[in-house]
Amino acid sequence: MKILVSLIRNLLGGIIIAGDLLTRGSKKKRPAQQQQEVNQQTQNLSLYQFTACPFCTKTRRAMYKLNLPIEKRNASQGSKHRQELLEGGGKVKVPCLRIEQDGKVEWMYESSEIIRYLETRFA
């Protein structure tokens, strides 16, 4: 039963990823200097995610459209990033955006909240 659930989850995840790739549209265009500043600002951001998670796909799609080169960290079972997420954020829940700013670290969960934050900061 566990194998069947895993198989279905992976199949649906693959369909979601394929749909995203086929329909994602174009990236936000910025002047080179402005894009360089955005790239600099995103160096303090990391997205903890699972590849086949639909909410992670939604978040990655928003990052793509906003042209944000945010590091993606796979938090799957047994990964070092999963342990970082648990220790830093307090729970293994994805997507989770790690925001490092002014010497402080904030862990933001919920795809809609993450997307709203990114749109407010970078749109």
N, C-alpha and C. Protein backbone atom coordinates (compact mmCIF):
# COMPACT_ATOMS: atom_id res chain seq x y z
N MET A 1 0.83 -1.20 0.00
CA MET A 1 0.00 0.00 0.00
C MET A 1 0.88 1.26 0.00
N LYS A 2 1.93 1.24 0.83
CA LYS A 2 2.82 2.39 0.93
C LYS A 2 3.52 2.66 -0.41
N ILE A 3 3.88 1.60 -1.11
CA ILE A 3 4.55 1.73 -2.41
C ILE A 3 3.57 2.32 -3.43
N LEU A 4 2.31 1.90 -3.38
CA LEU A 4 1.30 2.42 -4.30
C LEU A 4 1.08 3.91 -4.09
N VAL A 5 0.99 4.35 -2.84
CA VAL A 5 0.81 5.76 -2.52
C VAL A 5 2.00 6.57 -3.02
N SER A 6 3.19 6.05 -2.80
CA SER A 6 4.41 6.72 -3.26
C SER A 6 4.43 6.81 -4.78
N LEU A 7 4.04 5.75 -5.45
CA LEU A 7 4.00 5.73 -6.91
C LEU A 7 3.00 6.76 -7.44
N ILE A 8 1.83 6.82 -6.86
CA ILE A 8 0.81 7.79 -7.27
C ILE A 8 1.30 9.21 -7.02
N ARG A 9 1.89 9.45 -5.86
CA ARG A 9 2.41 10.78 -5.52
C ARG A 9 3.48 11.21 -6.53
N ASN A 10 4.40 10.32 -6.86
CA ASN A 10 5.46 10.65 -7.81
C ASN A 10 4.90 10.87 -9.22
N LEU A 11 3.92 10.08 -9.62
CA LEU A 11 3.30 10.24 -10.93
C LEU A 11 2.59 11.60 -11.02
N LEU A 12 1.79 11.92 -10.02
CA LEU A 12 1.10 13.21 -10.02
C LEU A 12 2.09 14.37 -9.96
N GLY A 13 3.14 14.21 -9.18
CA GLY A 13 4.18 15.24 -9.11
C GLY A 13 4.82 15.46 -10.45
N GLY A 14 5.10 14.40 -11.17
CA GLY A 14 5.68 14.51 -12.51
C GLY A 14 4.75 15.22 -13.48
N ILE A 15 3.46 14.95 -13.38
CA ILE A 15 2.48 15.62 -14.23
C ILE A 15 2.43 17.11 -13.91
N ILE A 16 2.46 17.45 -12.64
CA ILE A 16 2.43 18.85 -12.21
C ILE A 16 3.68 19.58 -12.72
N ILE A 17 4.84 18.95 -12.59
CA ILE A 17 6.09 19.57 -13.05
C ILE A 17 6.06 19.76 -14.56
N ALA A 18 5.61 18.76 -15.30
CA ALA A 18 5.53 18.87 -16.76
C ALA A 18 4.57 19.98 -17.16
N GLY A 19 3.43 20.06 -16.50
CA GLY A 19 2.47 21.13 -16.78
C GLY A 19 3.06 22.49 -16.52
N ASP A 20 3.82 22.61 -15.44
CA ASP A 20 4.47 23.88 -15.12
C ASP A 20 5.47 24.27 -16.20
N LEU A 21 6.29 23.34 -16.61
CA LEU A 21 7.30 23.63 -17.62
C LEU A 21 6.68 24.04 -18.96
N LEU A 22 5.53 23.45 -19.29
CA LEU A 22 4.89 23.74 -20.57
C LEU A 22 4.11 25.06 -20.57
N THR A 23 3.74 25.55 -19.39
CA THR A 23 2.85 26.72 -19.33
C THR A 23 3.40 27.89 -18.54
N ARG A 24 4.65 27.88 -18.16
CA ARG A 24 5.14 28.89 -17.22
C ARG A 24 5.32 30.29 -17.78
N GLY A 25 5.40 30.47 -19.07
CA GLY A 25 5.52 31.81 -19.63
C GLY A 25 6.93 32.35 -19.56
N SER A 26 7.05 33.67 -19.58
CA SER A 26 8.37 34.29 -19.63
C SER A 26 8.75 34.93 -18.30
N LYS A 27 10.05 35.15 -18.15
CA LYS A 27 10.59 35.78 -16.94
C LYS A 27 10.42 37.29 -17.01
N LYS A 28 10.38 37.90 -15.85
CA LYS A 28 10.35 39.36 -15.75
C LYS A 28 11.66 39.91 -16.31
N LYS A 29 11.55 40.93 -17.13
CA LYS A 29 12.72 41.58 -17.72
C LYS A 29 13.05 42.83 -16.91
N ARG A 30 14.32 42.96 -16.57
CA ARG A 30 14.81 44.14 -15.86
C ARG A 30 16.06 44.65 -16.56
N PRO A 31 16.37 45.94 -16.41
CA PRO A 31 17.67 46.41 -16.89
C PRO A 31 18.78 45.64 -16.18
N ALA A 32 19.92 45.46 -16.84
CA ALA A 32 21.01 44.63 -16.32
C ALA A 32 21.44 45.03 -14.91
N GLN A 33 21.58 46.32 -14.66
CA GLN A 33 21.99 46.80 -13.33
C GLN A 33 20.97 46.42 -12.26
N GLN A 34 19.70 46.59 -12.58
CA GLN A 34 18.64 46.26 -11.63
C GLN A 34 18.60 44.75 -11.38
N GLN A 35 18.77 43.94 -12.43
CA GLN A 35 18.79 42.48 -12.25
C GLN A 35 19.97 42.06 -11.39
N GLN A 36 21.09 42.73 -11.57
CA GLN A 36 22.28 42.43 -10.76
C GLN A 36 22.01 42.71 -9.28
N GLU A 37 21.30 43.81 -8.99
CA GLU A 37 20.94 44.13 -7.61
C GLU A 37 19.99 43.09 -7.04
N VAL A 38 19.03 42.66 -7.84
CA VAL A 38 18.09 41.61 -7.41
C VAL A 38 18.86 40.33 -7.13
N ASN A 39 19.77 39.96 -8.02
CA ASN A 39 20.58 38.75 -7.83
C ASN A 39 21.35 38.82 -6.51
N GLN A 40 21.88 39.99 -6.21
CA GLN A 40 22.63 40.19 -4.96
C GLN A 40 21.71 39.99 -3.74
N GLN A 41 20.51 40.57 -3.82
CA GLN A 41 19.56 40.47 -2.70
C GLN A 41 19.07 39.05 -2.47
N THR A 42 18.97 38.26 -3.53
CA THR A 42 18.46 36.89 -3.38
C THR A 42 19.51 35.93 -2.82
N GLN A 43 20.74 36.37 -2.69
CA GLN A 43 21.78 35.49 -2.14
C GLN A 43 21.51 35.14 -0.68
N ASN A 44 20.67 35.92 -0.01
CA ASN A 44 20.33 35.66 1.40
C ASN A 44 19.01 34.91 1.54
N LEU A 45 18.54 34.34 0.44
CA LEU A 45 17.29 33.59 0.45
C LEU A 45 17.55 32.15 0.00
N SER A 46 16.83 31.20 0.61
CA SER A 46 16.90 29.79 0.21
C SER A 46 15.51 29.20 0.31
N LEU A 47 15.13 28.42 -0.68
CA LEU A 47 13.84 27.75 -0.66
C LEU A 47 14.05 26.27 -0.36
N TYR A 48 13.51 25.82 0.75
CA TYR A 48 13.52 24.40 1.10
C TYR A 48 12.27 23.81 0.47
N GLN A 49 12.44 22.71 -0.28
CA GLN A 49 11.35 22.20 -1.09
C GLN A 49 11.52 20.72 -1.40
N PHE A 50 10.42 20.15 -1.89
CA PHE A 50 10.42 18.82 -2.48
C PHE A 50 10.13 19.00 -3.96
N THR A 51 10.79 18.27 -4.81
CA THR A 51 10.64 18.44 -6.25
C THR A 51 9.20 18.26 -6.72
N ALA A 52 8.51 17.23 -6.26
CA ALA A 52 7.18 16.91 -6.77
C ALA A 52 6.04 17.52 -5.97
N CYS A 53 6.33 18.37 -5.02
CA CYS A 53 5.29 19.00 -4.19
C CYS A 53 4.56 20.08 -4.99
N PRO A 54 3.23 20.02 -5.10
CA PRO A 54 2.51 21.03 -5.89
C PRO A 54 2.65 22.45 -5.33
N PHE A 55 2.72 22.60 -4.03
CA PHE A 55 2.87 23.94 -3.44
C PHE A 55 4.28 24.48 -3.68
N CYS A 56 5.25 23.58 -3.72
CA CYS A 56 6.63 23.98 -4.05
C CYS A 56 6.71 24.38 -5.52
N THR A 57 6.02 23.65 -6.38
CA THR A 57 5.98 23.99 -7.80
C THR A 57 5.36 25.37 -7.98
N LYS A 58 4.29 25.65 -7.27
CA LYS A 58 3.64 26.96 -7.32
C LYS A 58 4.62 28.06 -6.91
N THR A 59 5.40 27.82 -5.88
CA THR A 59 6.37 28.80 -5.40
C THR A 59 7.52 28.96 -6.39
N ARG A 60 8.04 27.85 -6.91
CA ARG A 60 9.12 27.92 -7.90
C ARG A 60 8.66 28.64 -9.16
N ARG A 61 7.41 28.45 -9.53
CA ARG A 61 6.84 29.12 -10.71
C ARG A 61 6.84 30.64 -10.51
N ALA A 62 6.46 31.08 -9.33
CA ALA A 62 6.47 32.52 -9.02
C ALA A 62 7.90 33.05 -9.04
N MET A 63 8.84 32.29 -8.51
CA MET A 63 10.25 32.69 -8.53
C MET A 63 10.74 32.83 -9.97
N TYR A 64 10.35 31.90 -10.82
CA TYR A 64 10.75 31.94 -12.23
C TYR A 64 10.18 33.20 -12.90
N LYS A 65 8.89 33.44 -12.70
CA LYS A 65 8.25 34.60 -13.35
C LYS A 65 8.85 35.92 -12.87
N LEU A 66 9.25 35.98 -11.60
CA LEU A 66 9.86 37.19 -11.06
C LEU A 66 11.35 37.27 -11.38
N ASN A 67 11.89 36.23 -12.02
CA ASN A 67 13.31 36.16 -12.39
C ASN A 67 14.20 36.28 -11.15
N LEU A 68 13.93 35.41 -10.17
CA LEU A 68 14.66 35.42 -8.90
C LEU A 68 15.53 34.16 -8.79
N PRO A 69 16.84 34.31 -8.84
CA PRO A 69 17.73 33.15 -8.74
C PRO A 69 17.95 32.74 -7.28
N ILE A 70 16.90 32.22 -6.66
CA ILE A 70 16.96 31.80 -5.26
C ILE A 70 17.43 30.35 -5.20
N GLU A 71 18.36 30.07 -4.30
CA GLU A 71 18.86 28.71 -4.15
C GLU A 71 17.73 27.80 -3.68
N LYS A 72 17.61 26.64 -4.34
CA LYS A 72 16.61 25.65 -3.97
C LYS A 72 17.32 24.51 -3.24
N ARG A 73 16.78 24.16 -2.09
CA ARG A 73 17.37 23.10 -1.28
C ARG A 73 16.36 21.97 -1.11
N ASN A 74 16.73 20.80 -1.58
CA ASN A 74 15.86 19.64 -1.50
C ASN A 74 15.84 19.11 -0.06
N ALA A 75 14.66 19.08 0.52
CA ALA A 75 14.52 18.65 1.92
C ALA A 75 13.95 17.24 2.02
N SER A 76 14.25 16.40 1.05
CA SER A 76 13.72 15.04 1.06
C SER A 76 14.35 14.21 2.18
N GLN A 77 13.73 13.09 2.46
CA GLN A 77 14.15 12.18 3.54
C GLN A 77 15.64 11.90 3.45
N GLY A 78 16.35 12.09 4.56
CA GLY A 78 17.76 11.75 4.65
C GLY A 78 18.72 12.83 4.17
N SER A 79 18.21 13.94 3.68
CA SER A 79 19.10 14.99 3.18
C SER A 79 19.55 15.91 4.31
N LYS A 80 20.71 16.55 4.12
CA LYS A 80 21.21 17.48 5.14
C LYS A 80 20.30 18.70 5.23
N HIS A 81 19.67 19.06 4.10
CA HIS A 81 18.79 20.22 4.10
C HIS A 81 17.52 19.95 4.94
N ARG A 82 17.09 18.71 4.99
CA ARG A 82 15.92 18.36 5.81
C ARG A 82 16.24 18.62 7.28
N GLN A 83 17.44 18.24 7.68
CA GLN A 83 17.86 18.45 9.07
C GLN A 83 17.99 19.94 9.37
N GLU A 84 18.54 20.71 8.42
CA GLU A 84 18.64 22.16 8.59
C GLU A 84 17.26 22.78 8.77
N LEU A 85 16.31 22.34 7.97
CA LEU A 85 14.94 22.84 8.03
C LEU A 85 14.31 22.53 9.39
N LEU A 86 14.50 21.33 9.86
CA LEU A 86 13.96 20.92 11.16
C LEU A 86 14.59 21.72 12.29
N GLU A 87 15.90 21.85 12.27
CA GLU A 87 16.59 22.56 13.35
C GLU A 87 16.35 24.07 13.29
N GLY A 88 16.35 24.64 12.10
CA GLY A 88 16.19 26.09 11.98
C GLY A 88 14.76 26.55 12.04
N GLY A 89 13.89 25.89 11.29
CA GLY A 89 12.49 26.31 11.21
C GLY A 89 11.60 25.65 12.24
N GLY A 90 12.06 24.53 12.79
CA GLY A 90 11.29 23.86 13.83
C GLY A 90 10.38 22.76 13.34
N LYS A 91 10.22 22.64 12.02
CA LYS A 91 9.39 21.57 11.48
C LYS A 91 9.79 21.30 10.04
N VAL A 92 9.51 20.08 9.59
CA VAL A 92 9.78 19.71 8.20
C VAL A 92 8.48 19.91 7.44
N LYS A 93 8.34 21.11 6.87
CA LYS A 93 7.17 21.47 6.10
C LYS A 93 7.66 22.31 4.94
N VAL A 94 7.23 21.97 3.74
CA VAL A 94 7.67 22.71 2.56
C VAL A 94 6.46 23.23 1.79
N PRO A 95 6.63 24.27 1.02
CA PRO A 95 7.85 25.05 0.86
C PRO A 95 8.13 25.90 2.09
N CYS A 96 9.39 26.23 2.25
CA CYS A 96 9.82 27.11 3.33
C CYS A 96 10.93 28.01 2.80
N LEU A 97 10.73 29.30 2.94
CA LEU A 97 11.72 30.27 2.50
C LEU A 97 12.54 30.71 3.70
N ARG A 98 13.84 30.51 3.61
CA ARG A 98 14.77 30.96 4.66
C ARG A 98 15.25 32.35 4.25
N ILE A 99 14.95 33.34 5.11
CA ILE A 99 15.30 34.73 4.83
C ILE A 99 16.34 35.16 5.85
N GLU A 100 17.52 35.47 5.37
CA GLU A 100 18.61 35.93 6.23
C GLU A 100 18.77 37.43 5.98
N GLN A 101 18.54 38.23 7.03
CA GLN A 101 18.58 39.68 6.85
C GLN A 101 18.98 40.35 8.17
N ASP A 102 19.94 41.25 8.08
CA ASP A 102 20.41 42.00 9.25
C ASP A 102 20.84 41.09 10.39
N GLY A 103 21.49 39.98 10.07
CA GLY A 103 21.98 39.06 11.08
C GLY A 103 20.91 38.18 11.70
N LYS A 104 19.68 38.26 11.22
CA LYS A 104 18.58 37.45 11.74
C LYS A 104 18.11 36.49 10.64
N VAL A 105 17.55 35.36 11.07
CA VAL A 105 17.02 34.38 10.12
C VAL A 105 15.54 34.18 10.40
N GLU A 106 14.75 34.29 9.35
CA GLU A 106 13.31 34.05 9.44
C GLU A 106 12.98 32.86 8.55
N TRP A 107 12.09 32.01 9.01
CA TRP A 107 11.65 30.83 8.25
C TRP A 107 10.19 31.06 7.89
N MET A 108 9.91 31.22 6.61
CA MET A 108 8.55 31.52 6.16
C MET A 108 7.96 30.30 5.46
N TYR A 109 6.87 29.80 6.03
CA TYR A 109 6.15 28.66 5.46
C TYR A 109 4.93 29.18 4.69
N GLU A 110 4.28 28.31 3.98
CA GLU A 110 3.07 28.59 3.21
C GLU A 110 3.39 29.26 1.88
N SER A 111 3.07 28.57 0.80
CA SER A 111 3.39 29.05 -0.55
C SER A 111 2.79 30.43 -0.83
N SER A 112 1.56 30.66 -0.44
CA SER A 112 0.91 31.96 -0.72
C SER A 112 1.61 33.09 0.01
N GLU A 113 2.03 32.85 1.24
CA GLU A 113 2.75 33.87 2.01
C GLU A 113 4.12 34.14 1.40
N ILE A 114 4.81 33.09 0.98
CA ILE A 114 6.13 33.24 0.35
C ILE A 114 6.00 34.04 -0.95
N ILE A 115 5.02 33.69 -1.77
CA ILE A 115 4.83 34.38 -3.05
C ILE A 115 4.48 35.84 -2.82
N ARG A 116 3.62 36.12 -1.87
CA ARG A 116 3.25 37.50 -1.54
C ARG A 116 4.49 38.29 -1.11
N TYR A 117 5.34 37.69 -0.28
CA TYR A 117 6.58 38.33 0.17
C TYR A 117 7.48 38.63 -1.04
N LEU A 118 7.68 37.65 -1.91
CA LEU A 118 8.56 37.84 -3.08
C LEU A 118 8.02 38.90 -4.02
N GLU A 119 6.71 38.89 -4.26
CA GLU A 119 6.10 39.89 -5.14
C GLU A 119 6.22 41.29 -4.55
N THR A 120 6.02 41.41 -3.26
CA THR A 120 6.12 42.71 -2.60
C THR A 120 7.55 43.23 -2.65
N ARG A 121 8.50 42.35 -2.42
CA ARG A 121 9.90 42.76 -2.35
C ARG A 121 10.54 42.95 -3.73
N PHE A 122 10.16 42.14 -4.72
CA PHE A 122 10.90 42.14 -5.98
C PHE A 122 10.09 42.53 -7.22
N ALA A 123 8.78 42.67 -7.14
CA ALA A 123 8.00 43.00 -8.33
C ALA A 123 8.19 44.44 -8.68
